[in-house]
Amino acid sequence: MRLPRVVVAAPASGHGKTTVATGIMAALRRRGHVVSGHKVGPDYIDPGYHELATGRPGRNLDPFLVGEERVAPLLVHGARGGDVAVVEGVMGLYDGKLGGAGFASTAHVATVTSSPVILVVDVSHASRSVAAVVHGMRTFDPTVRIVGVVLNKAGSHRHAQEVLDALAGRGVPVLGVIHRDDAVVAPARHLGLVPVAERYDAADSLDLLAERIEATVDLDQLLALARAAPPLAAAPWDPATEVGPGPAGAPRPLVAVAGGRAFTFRYAETEELLLAAGCDVATFDPLVEERLPAGTSAVYLGGGFPEVYAGRLSDNVGLRGELLDAVASGMPTVAECAGLLYLCRTLDGRPMVGALAADAAMTSRLTLGYREATVPATHAAAHLAGPPGTPVRGHEFHRTAVTPDAGEHPAFLVGGRPSGFGSRTATASYLHVHWAGHPMLAERFAAAAREFGRGIPASSVLTSDTVGATLVEEAGENPAQSRYCDTSSTVGDDHERVKPDPSQEVAQHTGRTNP
């Protein structure tokens, strides 16, 4: 198919890729284009800005997380219905997985998708040397086509002209010069930019940025370069071909997905896979909602910033009690990073859900990187994440620590070491997993939700040969007796829910389940 597209890259982090890429998306949309925004790498914050700029879900393209063969199909899937795709790179153009010779780098994604590259260069600390940097980036790998440059953070017109003169005649056009302006810089904190969902001024700032890009970047030339990209020989990724829809005529279980300002990290394809697997999805905000959505049969707690909102999460005693009871009753639960912290007994000394015999706290150390994990040989084939030995690729990104860092039954083995907390009905760990790369996780989770909703008895077993066909309760309770279980075919029936005494949360948990 023919998809006009460009990759916005840089020599290194900090050159302004997010600002320029997001501004280009917003400016093109203001011109009437249907723009698809994408991000190279395992990032959640930048796609949030892309979604605000384009009005469409921000998407990630990561060969490590989803497999090289899925990158172009995911690009085509995300761009369906659009007339131009803008892909923001990660780190420096050629920086990828450590030890991977550039695997999963921006250059790798640009090559796999045959996309032209626009290089954003921060010129605030150089002038003529910028031309040498651009020359080196262009010639380092001839298969990567750098077709234009945007000069960012120019100090003055004289400064910008010095850079322009050095680049003149070197075979790469300068598409724009952006001068320094603190008004278009997004605020940052301990894990990078503040997510767009937490900024009340985000829309106004984006309007200002779009105006600045329109005034300084030659969008017509950029579009011409995007339209010159060769056709993509890739069919769109389709979640319906990755997972089974479940038994014909079976009720659609409801998966409650944490959202709001504290839980902003999740991939768009996660919900798409759950829907394709026969589930319905409802978002709830743990900061303000005291109850899970009526008829909930499974819970997905993704990533985010619970440490920033620990006080408000702790104050919501009603929802904490509901979640504790839900996990203890065997409701299928997946918790990644922020979700892990939320399920702990405490976070920075404040009471949390208490479903895990562990405590979390902020640290000064940043943990960041790709991880290769396996499902441990725990509970035989009944582990929610998959059969024993199943390989799972993910990434970690946090400044917190959990003590202990693994339970008696870990969620995963990372580098051979136990990590997180796992059971037949729950996984909680720091590992962020892109389910498009591991659709089995979505399929098993959906099947577990379906069977929890149907009240499958405790004598059944989640087996590897029938993916999620049956489910064993960790505590030996019959889920049909759970007050969360909707045994009818109507999703949305509300059942009486008795909230546990928060002072007894840990005691109630001990002996009921060990996720």
Protein backbone atom coordinates (compact mmCIF):
# COMPACT_ATOMS: atom_id res chain seq x y z
CA MET A 1 0.00 0.00 0.00
CA ARG A 2 1.08 3.61 -0.46
CA LEU A 3 1.41 5.48 2.82
CA PRO A 4 3.05 8.92 2.94
CA ARG A 5 5.33 8.85 5.98
CA VAL A 6 8.39 10.33 7.63
CA VAL A 7 10.49 9.41 10.64
CA VAL A 8 11.56 12.29 12.89
CA ALA A 9 14.95 11.41 14.39
CA ALA A 10 17.91 13.11 16.09
CA PRO A 11 21.61 12.55 16.78
CA ALA A 12 20.81 11.96 20.48
CA SER A 13 18.17 12.45 23.15
CA GLY A 14 17.38 16.02 24.09
CA HIS A 15 17.45 17.53 20.60
CA GLY A 16 13.69 18.14 20.54
CA LYS A 17 12.27 15.14 18.66
CA THR A 18 9.05 15.08 20.66
CA THR A 19 8.47 18.81 20.34
CA VAL A 20 9.11 18.87 16.60
CA ALA A 21 7.31 15.60 15.78
CA THR A 22 4.25 16.52 17.84
CA GLY A 23 4.22 20.00 16.39
CA ILE A 24 4.38 18.62 12.85
CA MET A 25 1.47 16.28 13.60
CA ALA A 26 -0.63 19.11 15.02
CA ALA A 27 0.26 21.51 12.21
CA LEU A 28 -0.63 18.98 9.51
CA ARG A 29 -3.91 18.24 11.24
CA ARG A 30 -4.72 21.97 11.31
CA ARG A 31 -4.25 21.91 7.54
CA GLY A 32 -6.93 19.25 7.25
CA HIS A 33 -4.78 16.13 7.04
CA VAL A 34 -5.66 12.89 8.84
CA VAL A 35 -2.40 12.23 10.66
CA SER A 36 -1.26 9.00 12.27
CA GLY A 37 1.27 9.36 15.11
CA HIS A 38 3.79 6.67 16.01
CA LYS A 39 6.71 6.30 18.40
CA VAL A 40 9.79 4.10 18.10
CA GLY A 41 10.52 2.20 21.27
CA PRO A 42 8.77 1.34 24.54
CA ASP A 43 7.38 4.78 25.35
CA TYR A 44 3.99 5.71 26.79
CA ILE A 45 4.30 9.45 27.38
CA ASP A 46 5.15 10.66 23.87
CA PRO A 47 2.25 8.74 22.26
CA GLY A 48 -0.07 10.61 24.62
CA TYR A 49 1.09 13.89 23.07
CA HIS A 50 0.74 12.35 19.60
CA GLU A 51 -2.86 11.40 20.39
CA LEU A 52 -3.64 14.96 21.48
CA ALA A 53 -2.06 16.31 18.29
CA THR A 54 -3.73 13.90 15.86
CA GLY A 55 -7.01 12.95 17.53
CA ARG A 56 -6.07 9.28 16.98
CA PRO A 57 -4.44 6.72 19.30
CA GLY A 58 -0.67 7.07 19.57
CA ARG A 59 1.09 3.87 18.49
CA ASN A 60 4.44 2.26 19.26
CA LEU A 61 6.78 0.53 16.81
CA ASP A 62 9.33 -1.64 18.61
CA PRO A 63 11.04 -4.60 16.91
CA PHE A 64 12.26 -5.98 20.25
CA LEU A 65 8.85 -6.00 21.89
CA VAL A 66 6.69 -7.13 18.97
CA GLY A 67 9.13 -8.76 16.55
CA GLU A 68 10.63 -7.20 13.44
CA GLU A 69 8.01 -8.87 11.24
CA ARG A 70 5.15 -7.02 12.97
CA VAL A 71 6.57 -3.49 12.76
CA ALA A 72 5.38 -2.59 9.25
CA PRO A 73 1.97 -4.29 9.74
CA LEU A 74 1.47 -2.35 12.98
CA LEU A 75 2.40 0.89 11.20
CA VAL A 76 -0.15 0.19 8.46
CA HIS A 77 -2.76 -0.82 11.03
CA GLY A 78 -2.28 2.35 13.06
CA ALA A 79 -2.30 4.55 9.96
CA ARG A 80 -5.47 3.01 8.52
CA GLY A 81 -7.75 5.83 7.36
CA GLY A 82 -4.98 8.43 7.56
CA ASP A 83 -3.23 10.24 4.74
CA VAL A 84 0.18 10.75 6.38
CA ALA A 85 2.11 9.03 9.17
CA VAL A 86 4.68 10.75 11.38
CA VAL A 87 6.98 8.45 13.35
CA GLU A 88 8.95 9.91 16.25
CA GLY A 89 12.27 8.20 16.89
CA VAL A 90 13.92 7.19 20.15
CA MET A 91 17.27 8.39 21.56
CA GLY A 92 19.83 8.88 18.81
CA LEU A 93 19.09 7.68 15.29
CA TYR A 94 21.33 4.59 15.56
CA ASP A 95 20.81 3.81 19.26
CA GLY A 96 18.95 0.58 19.98
CA LYS A 97 19.09 -2.37 22.33
CA LEU A 98 22.42 -2.47 24.14
CA GLY A 99 24.60 -5.13 22.57
CA GLY A 100 22.18 -5.46 19.67
CA ALA A 101 24.16 -3.58 16.99
CA GLY A 102 21.36 -1.07 16.53
CA PHE A 103 18.49 -3.53 16.76
CA ALA A 104 15.22 -1.71 17.66
CA SER A 105 16.80 1.67 16.90
CA THR A 106 15.10 4.44 14.98
CA ALA A 107 17.31 3.58 12.01
CA HIS A 108 16.19 -0.06 12.25
CA VAL A 109 12.50 0.93 12.19
CA ALA A 110 13.09 3.40 9.35
CA THR A 111 14.76 0.65 7.34
CA VAL A 112 12.11 -2.00 8.08
CA THR A 113 9.36 0.43 7.05
CA SER A 114 11.31 2.00 4.14
CA SER A 115 10.66 5.42 5.64
CA PRO A 116 12.56 8.66 4.89
CA VAL A 117 14.14 10.37 7.89
CA ILE A 118 13.94 14.00 8.98
CA LEU A 119 16.82 14.84 11.34
CA VAL A 120 16.17 17.29 14.19
CA VAL A 121 19.39 18.87 15.44
CA ASP A 122 19.78 21.04 18.53
CA VAL A 123 22.14 23.80 17.36
CA SER A 124 22.21 25.75 20.63
CA HIS A 125 25.81 24.75 21.41
CA ALA A 126 27.34 24.63 17.92
CA SER A 127 27.26 26.29 14.52
CA ARG A 128 29.41 24.97 11.63
CA SER A 129 29.98 21.70 13.48
CA VAL A 130 26.31 20.89 12.91
CA ALA A 131 27.13 20.23 9.26
CA ALA A 132 29.71 17.65 10.30
CA VAL A 133 27.17 15.96 12.57
CA VAL A 134 24.60 15.79 9.77
CA HIS A 135 27.20 14.48 7.32
CA GLY A 136 28.23 11.76 9.77
CA MET A 137 24.65 10.72 10.43
CA ARG A 138 23.94 10.51 6.68
CA THR A 139 26.98 8.45 5.78
CA PHE A 140 27.11 6.13 8.80
CA ASP A 141 24.54 3.78 7.22
CA PRO A 142 23.74 4.35 3.52
CA THR A 143 20.53 2.29 3.83
CA VAL A 144 19.05 5.00 6.08
CA ARG A 145 17.73 7.85 3.94
CA ILE A 146 18.05 11.21 5.70
CA VAL A 147 16.08 13.52 3.42
CA GLY A 148 15.83 16.71 5.45
CA VAL A 149 17.00 18.59 8.54
CA VAL A 150 15.21 20.80 11.05
CA LEU A 151 17.47 23.10 13.07
CA ASN A 152 16.17 23.46 16.61
CA LYS A 153 16.94 25.97 19.40
CA ALA A 154 18.76 28.50 17.28
CA GLY A 155 19.98 31.41 19.38
CA SER A 156 19.74 34.21 16.81
CA HIS A 157 19.35 34.81 13.10
CA ARG A 158 23.15 35.22 12.73
CA HIS A 159 23.68 31.93 14.53
CA ALA A 160 21.13 30.16 12.33
CA GLN A 161 22.69 31.60 9.16
CA GLU A 162 26.12 30.28 10.15
CA VAL A 163 24.64 26.77 10.38
CA LEU A 164 22.73 27.17 7.11
CA ASP A 165 25.86 28.30 5.28
CA ALA A 166 27.78 25.25 6.55
CA LEU A 167 25.01 22.91 5.37
CA ALA A 168 24.56 24.56 1.97
CA GLY A 169 25.40 22.29 -0.96
CA ARG A 170 25.77 19.15 1.14
CA GLY A 171 22.80 17.32 -0.35
CA VAL A 172 20.26 17.57 2.44
CA PRO A 173 17.68 20.37 2.53
CA VAL A 174 16.99 22.37 5.68
CA LEU A 175 13.23 22.22 6.19
CA GLY A 176 13.09 24.76 8.97
CA VAL A 177 14.81 26.74 11.69
CA ILE A 178 13.16 26.89 15.11
CA HIS A 179 14.42 29.47 17.57
CA ARG A 180 14.56 28.94 21.31
CA ASP A 181 11.21 29.46 23.02
CA ASP A 182 10.51 28.28 26.55
CA ALA A 183 6.78 28.62 25.91
CA VAL A 184 6.76 25.46 23.77
CA VAL A 185 8.81 23.26 26.12
CA ALA A 186 6.82 20.53 27.88
CA PRO A 187 7.39 20.18 31.65
CA ALA A 188 9.35 17.16 32.83
CA ARG A 189 9.91 15.18 36.02
CA HIS A 190 11.58 11.97 37.24
CA LEU A 191 10.60 9.72 34.28
CA GLY A 192 10.66 12.32 31.50
CA LEU A 193 7.84 14.53 30.25
CA VAL A 194 4.71 14.99 32.34
CA PRO A 195 1.99 12.88 30.64
CA VAL A 196 -0.52 14.87 28.64
CA ALA A 197 -3.38 13.49 30.75
CA GLU A 198 -1.92 15.30 33.76
CA ARG A 199 -1.60 18.70 32.07
CA TYR A 200 -4.60 21.01 32.01
CA ASP A 201 -2.68 23.38 29.73
CA ALA A 202 -1.68 20.73 27.19
CA ALA A 203 -4.17 21.71 24.47
CA ASP A 204 -3.24 25.41 24.67
CA SER A 205 0.46 24.59 24.57
CA LEU A 206 -0.10 22.35 21.56
CA ASP A 207 -1.89 25.13 19.70
CA LEU A 208 1.08 27.41 20.32
CA LEU A 209 3.48 24.70 19.15
CA ALA A 210 1.47 24.04 15.97
CA GLU A 211 1.54 27.75 15.13
CA ARG A 212 5.29 27.84 15.68
CA ILE A 213 5.88 24.81 13.44
CA GLU A 214 3.65 26.21 10.69
CA ALA A 215 5.64 29.44 10.75
CA THR A 216 9.09 27.85 10.77
CA VAL A 217 8.95 24.47 8.99
CA ASP A 218 8.26 24.00 5.28
CA LEU A 219 5.33 21.59 5.61
CA ASP A 220 4.78 21.44 1.85
CA GLN A 221 8.31 20.20 1.30
CA LEU A 222 7.99 17.79 4.21
CA LEU A 223 4.78 16.37 2.73
CA ALA A 224 6.46 15.98 -0.66
CA LEU A 225 9.24 13.96 0.99
CA ALA A 226 6.67 11.86 2.87
CA ARG A 227 4.76 11.14 -0.33
CA ALA A 228 7.95 10.02 -2.03
CA ALA A 229 8.24 7.07 0.37
CA PRO A 230 7.97 3.77 -1.52
CA PRO A 231 4.88 1.54 -1.19
CA LEU A 232 4.81 -0.77 1.83
CA ALA A 233 4.50 -4.46 1.07
CA ALA A 234 2.71 -5.18 4.34
CA ALA A 235 -0.84 -6.11 5.25
CA PRO A 236 -2.31 -4.33 8.27
CA TRP A 237 -1.90 -6.06 11.60
CA ASP A 238 -5.24 -7.55 12.61
CA PRO A 239 -5.94 -8.44 16.25
CA ALA A 240 -8.68 -10.86 15.16
CA THR A 241 -6.09 -13.07 13.47
CA GLU A 242 -3.85 -13.02 16.57
CA VAL A 243 -6.39 -14.28 19.11
CA GLY A 244 -9.44 -16.49 19.05
CA PRO A 245 -12.84 -14.91 19.68
CA GLY A 246 -13.81 -17.46 22.33
CA PRO A 247 -16.65 -19.99 22.21
CA ALA A 248 -19.51 -19.09 19.92
CA GLY A 249 -22.38 -17.51 21.80
CA ALA A 250 -20.40 -17.12 25.02
CA PRO A 251 -21.08 -13.97 27.08
CA ARG A 252 -18.49 -11.20 26.69
CA PRO A 253 -16.70 -10.76 30.02
CA LEU A 254 -15.97 -7.22 31.17
CA VAL A 255 -12.31 -6.27 31.70
CA ALA A 256 -11.85 -3.23 33.93
CA VAL A 257 -8.80 -1.22 32.81
CA ALA A 258 -7.27 1.35 35.17
CA GLY A 259 -7.02 4.84 33.71
CA GLY A 260 -7.06 8.44 34.85
CA ARG A 261 -4.08 10.58 35.79
CA ALA A 262 -2.30 7.88 37.84
CA PHE A 263 -2.54 5.08 35.23
CA THR A 264 -1.71 6.47 31.80
CA PHE A 265 0.66 3.77 30.49
CA ARG A 266 -0.84 1.16 28.17
CA TYR A 267 -0.56 0.24 24.52
CA ALA A 268 -3.55 0.83 22.26
CA GLU A 269 -3.29 -2.72 20.92
CA THR A 270 -3.96 -4.18 24.39
CA GLU A 271 -7.60 -3.13 24.31
CA GLU A 272 -7.91 -4.09 20.65
CA LEU A 273 -6.70 -7.61 21.41
CA LEU A 274 -9.08 -7.98 24.35
CA LEU A 275 -12.01 -6.87 22.21
CA ALA A 276 -10.99 -9.30 19.47
CA ALA A 277 -10.71 -12.08 22.07
CA GLY A 278 -14.36 -11.64 23.00
CA CYS A 279 -14.14 -9.20 25.93
CA ASP A 280 -15.70 -5.84 26.62
CA VAL A 281 -13.49 -3.15 28.15
CA ALA A 282 -14.38 -0.42 30.64
CA THR A 283 -11.95 2.18 31.97
CA PHE A 284 -12.09 3.20 35.62
CA ASP A 285 -10.13 5.86 37.53
CA PRO A 286 -8.67 4.60 40.84
CA LEU A 287 -8.29 8.20 42.03
CA VAL A 288 -12.00 8.95 42.08
CA GLU A 289 -14.11 5.82 41.57
CA GLU A 290 -14.88 3.85 44.69
CA ARG A 291 -16.08 0.71 42.94
CA LEU A 292 -15.06 -1.44 40.01
CA PRO A 293 -17.35 -1.27 36.99
CA ALA A 294 -20.46 -3.40 37.48
CA GLY A 295 -20.04 -6.93 36.17
CA THR A 296 -16.22 -6.85 36.15
CA SER A 297 -14.68 -10.26 35.44
CA ALA A 298 -10.98 -9.24 35.15
CA VAL A 299 -8.76 -6.28 36.00
CA TYR A 300 -5.87 -4.76 34.06
CA LEU A 301 -3.69 -2.32 36.02
CA GLY A 302 -1.16 -0.81 33.64
CA GLY A 303 1.67 1.62 34.22
CA GLY A 304 1.72 5.24 35.27
CA PHE A 305 2.63 7.40 38.23
CA PRO A 306 1.01 6.08 41.42
CA GLU A 307 3.91 7.54 43.40
CA VAL A 308 2.76 11.03 42.40
CA TYR A 309 -0.81 10.30 43.51
CA ALA A 310 -0.13 7.93 46.39
CA GLY A 311 -2.10 10.04 48.85
CA ARG A 312 -5.26 10.09 46.77
CA LEU A 313 -4.96 6.41 45.88
CA SER A 314 -4.60 5.58 49.57
CA ASP A 315 -7.55 7.76 50.54
CA ASN A 316 -9.84 5.83 48.17
CA VAL A 317 -10.43 3.11 50.75
CA GLY A 318 -13.52 1.78 49.03
CA LEU A 319 -11.79 0.85 45.79
CA ARG A 320 -8.75 -0.51 47.61
CA GLY A 321 -11.04 -2.87 49.48
CA GLU A 322 -12.84 -3.91 46.31
CA LEU A 323 -9.58 -4.68 44.52
CA LEU A 324 -8.22 -6.62 47.48
CA ASP A 325 -11.34 -8.74 47.58
CA ALA A 326 -11.33 -9.16 43.79
CA VAL A 327 -7.73 -10.43 43.65
CA ALA A 328 -8.29 -12.68 46.66
CA SER A 329 -11.42 -14.16 45.08
CA GLY A 330 -9.44 -15.27 42.04
CA MET A 331 -10.52 -12.55 39.61
CA PRO A 332 -7.93 -12.58 36.76
CA THR A 333 -5.61 -9.62 37.32
CA VAL A 334 -2.66 -8.27 35.37
CA ALA A 335 -0.61 -5.52 37.04
CA GLU A 336 2.36 -3.87 35.31
CA CYS A 337 4.71 -1.53 37.16
CA ALA A 338 2.27 1.06 38.53
CA GLY A 339 -0.25 -1.73 38.99
CA LEU A 340 2.36 -3.70 40.92
CA LEU A 341 2.93 -0.76 43.27
CA TYR A 342 -0.79 -0.25 43.73
CA LEU A 343 -1.32 -3.89 44.75
CA CYS A 344 1.42 -3.71 47.41
CA ARG A 345 0.69 -3.17 51.09
CA THR A 346 2.21 0.30 51.08
CA LEU A 347 3.73 2.86 48.71
CA ASP A 348 6.07 5.34 50.40
CA GLY A 349 4.42 4.42 53.69
CA ARG A 350 0.84 5.00 52.52
CA PRO A 351 -1.58 2.05 52.55
CA MET A 352 -2.34 0.59 49.12
CA VAL A 353 -4.50 -2.38 48.09
CA GLY A 354 -2.59 -4.93 50.16
CA ALA A 355 -3.02 -7.84 47.78
CA LEU A 356 0.75 -8.50 47.73
CA ALA A 357 2.93 -9.19 50.74
CA ALA A 358 5.34 -6.46 49.67
CA ASP A 359 6.02 -2.74 50.14
CA ALA A 360 7.06 -0.16 47.54
CA ALA A 361 9.05 3.05 47.80
CA MET A 362 10.64 5.70 45.62
CA THR A 363 14.41 5.47 45.12
CA SER A 364 17.08 7.63 43.50
CA ARG A 365 17.94 4.93 40.98
CA LEU A 366 16.43 4.79 37.50
CA THR A 367 15.81 1.26 36.24
CA LEU A 368 15.45 1.29 32.48
CA GLY A 369 15.90 -1.30 29.78
CA TYR A 370 14.65 -4.19 27.72
CA ARG A 371 14.10 -7.51 29.47
CA GLU A 372 13.95 -11.10 28.27
CA ALA A 373 11.80 -13.12 30.64
CA THR A 374 10.30 -16.59 30.85
CA VAL A 375 7.23 -17.93 32.59
CA PRO A 376 8.41 -20.01 35.56
CA ALA A 377 7.44 -23.61 36.21
CA THR A 378 4.94 -22.55 38.86
CA HIS A 379 1.52 -24.19 39.19
CA ALA A 380 2.43 -26.40 36.22
CA ALA A 381 0.62 -25.14 33.12
CA ALA A 382 -1.85 -23.04 35.12
CA HIS A 383 0.18 -19.81 35.28
CA LEU A 384 -1.91 -16.94 33.94
CA ALA A 385 1.00 -15.61 31.85
CA GLY A 386 1.49 -18.85 29.93
CA PRO A 387 2.85 -22.41 30.10
CA PRO A 388 6.21 -22.91 31.85
CA GLY A 389 9.15 -21.72 29.79
CA THR A 390 7.11 -19.35 27.63
CA PRO A 391 9.46 -16.53 26.52
CA VAL A 392 8.18 -13.00 27.11
CA ARG A 393 9.91 -9.80 26.04
CA GLY A 394 9.24 -6.54 27.84
CA HIS A 395 10.84 -3.47 29.32
CA GLU A 396 11.22 -1.79 32.70
CA PHE A 397 11.09 1.94 33.41
CA HIS A 398 10.82 3.07 37.04
CA ARG A 399 12.45 4.80 40.00
CA THR A 400 10.80 2.67 42.64
CA ALA A 401 11.68 -0.58 44.37
CA VAL A 402 9.47 -3.32 45.80
CA THR A 403 10.52 -5.32 48.87
CA PRO A 404 10.60 -8.26 48.44
CA ASP A 405 10.99 -8.02 44.67
CA ALA A 406 9.46 -11.46 44.08
CA GLY A 407 7.01 -13.77 45.78
CA GLU A 408 7.19 -17.47 46.45
CA HIS A 409 5.53 -17.87 43.07
CA PRO A 410 7.14 -15.24 40.78
CA ALA A 411 5.46 -13.74 37.76
CA PHE A 412 8.55 -14.21 35.58
CA LEU A 413 12.15 -15.25 35.56
CA VAL A 414 14.26 -12.35 34.29
CA GLY A 415 17.84 -13.32 33.60
CA GLY A 416 17.10 -16.51 35.52
CA ARG A 417 16.08 -14.58 38.65
CA PRO A 418 12.55 -14.51 40.09
CA SER A 419 10.70 -11.26 39.44
CA GLY A 420 7.28 -10.13 40.56
CA PHE A 421 4.35 -12.12 41.84
CA GLY A 422 2.35 -14.68 39.88
CA SER A 423 -0.34 -17.30 40.21
CA ARG A 424 -3.01 -19.12 38.27
CA THR A 425 -5.10 -15.96 38.36
CA ALA A 426 -2.73 -12.99 38.61
CA THR A 427 0.57 -11.54 37.46
CA ALA A 428 2.14 -8.45 39.01
CA SER A 429 5.61 -7.27 38.06
CA TYR A 430 7.65 -4.35 36.77
CA LEU A 431 7.62 -5.86 33.28
CA HIS A 432 5.74 -3.86 30.63
CA VAL A 433 4.68 -6.23 27.84
CA HIS A 434 3.39 -5.20 24.40
CA TRP A 435 0.65 -7.77 23.90
CA ALA A 436 0.82 -7.46 20.11
CA GLY A 437 4.14 -9.26 20.43
CA HIS A 438 2.69 -11.86 22.80
CA PRO A 439 -0.96 -12.37 21.86
CA MET A 440 -1.07 -15.54 23.96
CA LEU A 441 -1.17 -13.31 27.05
CA ALA A 442 -4.28 -11.56 25.80
CA GLU A 443 -5.91 -14.83 24.83
CA ARG A 444 -5.27 -16.50 28.19
CA PHE A 445 -6.36 -13.40 30.09
CA ALA A 446 -9.58 -13.17 28.07
CA ALA A 447 -10.30 -16.87 28.57
CA ALA A 448 -9.69 -16.58 32.31
CA ALA A 449 -12.04 -13.59 32.47
CA ARG A 450 -14.70 -15.48 30.55
CA GLU A 451 -14.50 -18.45 32.87
CA PHE A 452 -14.44 -16.36 36.03
CA GLY A 453 -17.64 -14.71 34.81
CA ARG A 454 -19.22 -18.11 34.16
CA GLY A 455 -18.29 -19.39 37.62
CA ILE A 456 -16.06 -22.27 36.49
CA PRO A 457 -15.46 -24.50 39.55
CA ALA A 458 -12.12 -24.72 41.31
CA SER A 459 -11.44 -28.25 40.08
CA SER A 460 -10.78 -27.02 36.53
CA VAL A 461 -7.27 -26.36 35.22
CA LEU A 462 -5.82 -23.70 32.93
CA THR A 463 -3.95 -25.88 30.44
CA SER A 464 -1.43 -25.06 27.77
CA ASP A 465 -3.06 -27.12 25.02
CA THR A 466 -6.44 -25.38 25.36
CA VAL A 467 -5.41 -21.79 25.85
CA GLY A 468 -7.21 -20.60 28.93
CA ALA A 469 -9.92 -23.24 28.57
CA THR A 470 -10.23 -23.72 32.32
CA LEU A 471 -9.11 -21.94 35.44
CA VAL A 472 -7.95 -23.02 38.88
CA GLU A 473 -8.57 -20.78 41.87
CA GLU A 474 -5.43 -20.13 43.88
CA ALA A 475 -7.28 -20.28 47.19
CA GLY A 476 -9.63 -23.12 46.36
CA GLU A 477 -12.74 -20.91 46.40
CA ASN A 478 -15.42 -21.34 43.79
CA PRO A 479 -15.52 -18.14 41.74
CA ALA A 480 -19.23 -18.68 41.23
CA GLN A 481 -19.65 -17.64 44.85
CA SER A 482 -17.73 -14.38 44.37
CA ARG A 483 -19.78 -11.22 44.68
CA TYR A 484 -17.99 -9.94 41.58
CA CYS A 485 -19.00 -12.85 39.41
CA ASP A 486 -21.73 -12.22 36.83
CA THR A 487 -23.09 -15.69 36.15
CA SER A 488 -25.78 -14.36 33.85
CA SER A 489 -25.23 -13.47 30.22
CA THR A 490 -25.86 -9.78 30.86
CA VAL A 491 -22.74 -7.75 31.49
CA GLY A 492 -23.56 -4.86 33.78
CA ASP A 493 -25.63 -6.59 36.50
CA ASP A 494 -24.46 -5.15 39.80
CA HIS A 495 -23.99 -7.54 42.68
CA GLU A 496 -23.82 -6.69 46.33
CA ARG A 497 -20.26 -6.10 47.39
CA VAL A 498 -19.15 -6.12 51.00
CA LYS A 499 -16.08 -3.97 51.47
CA PRO A 500 -13.48 -5.46 53.84
CA ASP A 501 -12.24 -3.53 56.83
CA PRO A 502 -9.07 -1.77 55.56
CA SER A 503 -7.33 -2.47 58.87
CA GLN A 504 -7.68 -6.19 58.18
CA GLU A 505 -6.58 -6.11 54.52
CA VAL A 506 -3.24 -7.82 54.92
CA ALA A 507 -4.64 -10.35 57.35
CA GLN A 508 -7.48 -11.15 54.98
CA HIS A 509 -5.06 -11.58 52.13
CA THR A 510 -2.80 -13.98 54.00
CA GLY A 511 -4.16 -17.45 53.59
CA ARG A 512 -6.62 -16.57 50.82
CA THR A 513 -4.27 -16.19 47.91
CA ASN A 514 -0.64 -15.61 47.12
CA PRO A 515 -0.58 -13.96 43.68
